[in-house]
Protein backbone atom coordinates (compact mmCIF):
# COMPACT_ATOMS: atom_id res chain seq x y z
CA MET A 1 21.65 12.98 6.79
CA PHE A 2 19.63 9.68 7.56
CA PHE A 3 16.11 10.24 8.05
CA LYS A 4 14.41 7.72 10.33
CA LYS A 5 11.13 5.46 8.79
CA THR A 6 8.21 6.09 10.10
CA PRO A 7 6.22 2.61 11.79
CA THR A 8 3.56 1.93 9.60
CA ILE A 9 0.89 -1.00 9.38
CA SER A 10 -1.74 -1.76 7.12
CA THR A 11 -5.22 -1.08 7.14
CA ASN A 12 -5.40 -5.43 7.03
CA ASP A 13 -2.80 -6.11 9.59
CA LEU A 14 -4.76 -4.01 11.89
CA GLU A 15 -7.84 -5.49 11.60
CA ASN A 16 -6.54 -8.30 12.44
CA LYS A 17 -5.62 -6.79 16.03
CA ILE A 18 -8.77 -5.20 16.60
CA ALA A 19 -9.71 -8.50 19.16
CA GLU A 20 -6.97 -7.15 20.80
CA LYS A 21 -8.38 -4.14 21.12
CA PRO A 22 -5.46 -2.02 20.44
CA GLN A 23 -5.23 1.72 21.18
CA ILE A 24 -6.05 3.65 17.98
CA ILE A 25 -6.59 7.75 17.99
CA ASP A 26 -8.25 9.09 15.09
CA VAL A 27 -6.74 12.59 13.78
CA ARG A 28 -9.48 13.16 11.88
CA GLU A 29 -11.89 16.25 12.82
CA PRO A 30 -14.73 15.43 15.00
CA HIS A 31 -17.04 15.57 11.97
CA GLU A 32 -14.96 13.66 9.62
CA PHE A 33 -14.48 10.87 13.03
CA ARG A 34 -18.59 11.05 13.50
CA SER A 35 -19.29 10.00 9.67
CA GLY A 36 -17.54 6.52 10.26
CA HIS A 37 -14.64 5.08 12.47
CA ILE A 38 -12.72 2.24 14.14
CA PRO A 39 -14.48 0.76 16.63
CA GLY A 40 -12.98 2.37 19.66
CA ALA A 41 -10.92 4.37 18.03
CA LYS A 42 -10.96 7.31 20.23
CA ASN A 43 -10.51 11.34 18.75
CA VAL A 44 -8.03 13.25 18.55
CA PRO A 45 -7.51 16.03 15.74
CA LEU A 46 -4.13 16.94 14.23
CA GLY A 47 -4.46 20.23 15.99
CA LYS A 48 -4.42 18.78 19.28
CA VAL A 49 -2.40 15.28 18.97
CA ALA A 50 0.54 16.83 20.47
CA GLN A 51 -0.86 17.89 23.74
CA TYR A 52 -2.33 14.01 23.72
CA THR A 53 -0.60 11.41 25.89
CA PRO A 54 -0.86 7.66 24.62
CA SER A 55 0.05 4.62 27.57
CA GLY A 56 1.45 1.66 25.62
CA LYS A 57 2.02 1.05 21.74
CA THR A 58 -1.01 3.32 19.81
CA TYR A 59 -2.30 3.26 16.42
CA VAL A 60 -3.12 6.67 13.97
CA VAL A 61 -5.36 7.01 11.55
CA CYS A 62 -7.04 9.65 9.16
CA GLN A 63 -8.84 9.58 5.93
CA SER A 64 -5.52 9.25 3.92
CA GLY A 65 -2.15 8.15 5.84
CA MET A 66 -1.28 11.24 5.78
CA ARG A 67 -2.38 13.97 8.55
CA SER A 68 -1.48 10.92 10.99
CA LYS A 69 2.08 10.33 8.75
CA GLN A 70 2.52 13.91 10.82
CA ALA A 71 0.32 13.18 13.86
CA THR A 72 3.03 10.05 14.11
CA LYS A 73 6.05 12.00 13.82
CA VAL A 74 5.47 14.75 16.21
CA LEU A 75 4.24 11.51 18.90
CA LEU A 76 7.47 9.63 17.90
CA LYS A 77 9.68 12.26 18.85
CA GLN A 78 7.74 13.23 22.46
CA GLY A 79 8.80 9.35 23.20
CA TYR A 80 5.73 8.16 22.16
CA ASP A 81 5.06 3.85 20.94
CA VAL A 82 2.96 4.95 17.85
CA VAL A 83 2.36 3.52 14.53
CA ASN A 84 0.95 5.33 11.05
CA VAL A 85 -2.25 3.25 9.61
CA ARG A 86 -1.21 3.55 6.05
CA GLY A 87 -3.80 4.39 3.93
CA GLY A 88 -5.72 5.59 6.05
CA MET A 89 -9.93 5.10 6.33
CA MET A 90 -10.03 5.02 2.74
CA SER A 91 -8.83 1.68 2.76
CA TRP A 92 -10.32 0.11 5.52
CA THR A 93 -12.65 -2.34 5.08
CA GLY A 94 -13.32 -3.19 8.93
CA VAL A 95 -16.74 -2.27 10.82
CA LYS A 96 -16.90 1.52 11.37
CA LYS A 97 -18.66 3.03 13.67
CA GLY A 98 -20.88 5.77 13.27
CA GLY A 99 -20.76 5.25 10.01
CA LYS A 100 -22.04 2.89 7.05
CA ASN A 101 -20.09 0.11 6.16
């Protein structure tokens, strides 16, 4: 049996793309999202991600990278172009909106 590798990107590589305004979804719960998130990210909690319809390449982030990996797998199975953000917000060193930097 072969396993399909989940596409991933580091937080540093994503930070380098921020000027291009990539589509980012944050799959943490709303209270986590409010405590600080990547500017431009949309909050789509993990429990609701199966109903979400990304438009174009979408980067998926959470706190540590585990929930976003789950969400990425769900959206990949639905045929969307999604990429997991490895390390999540714990590894993010860029600007945060709504929280302390």
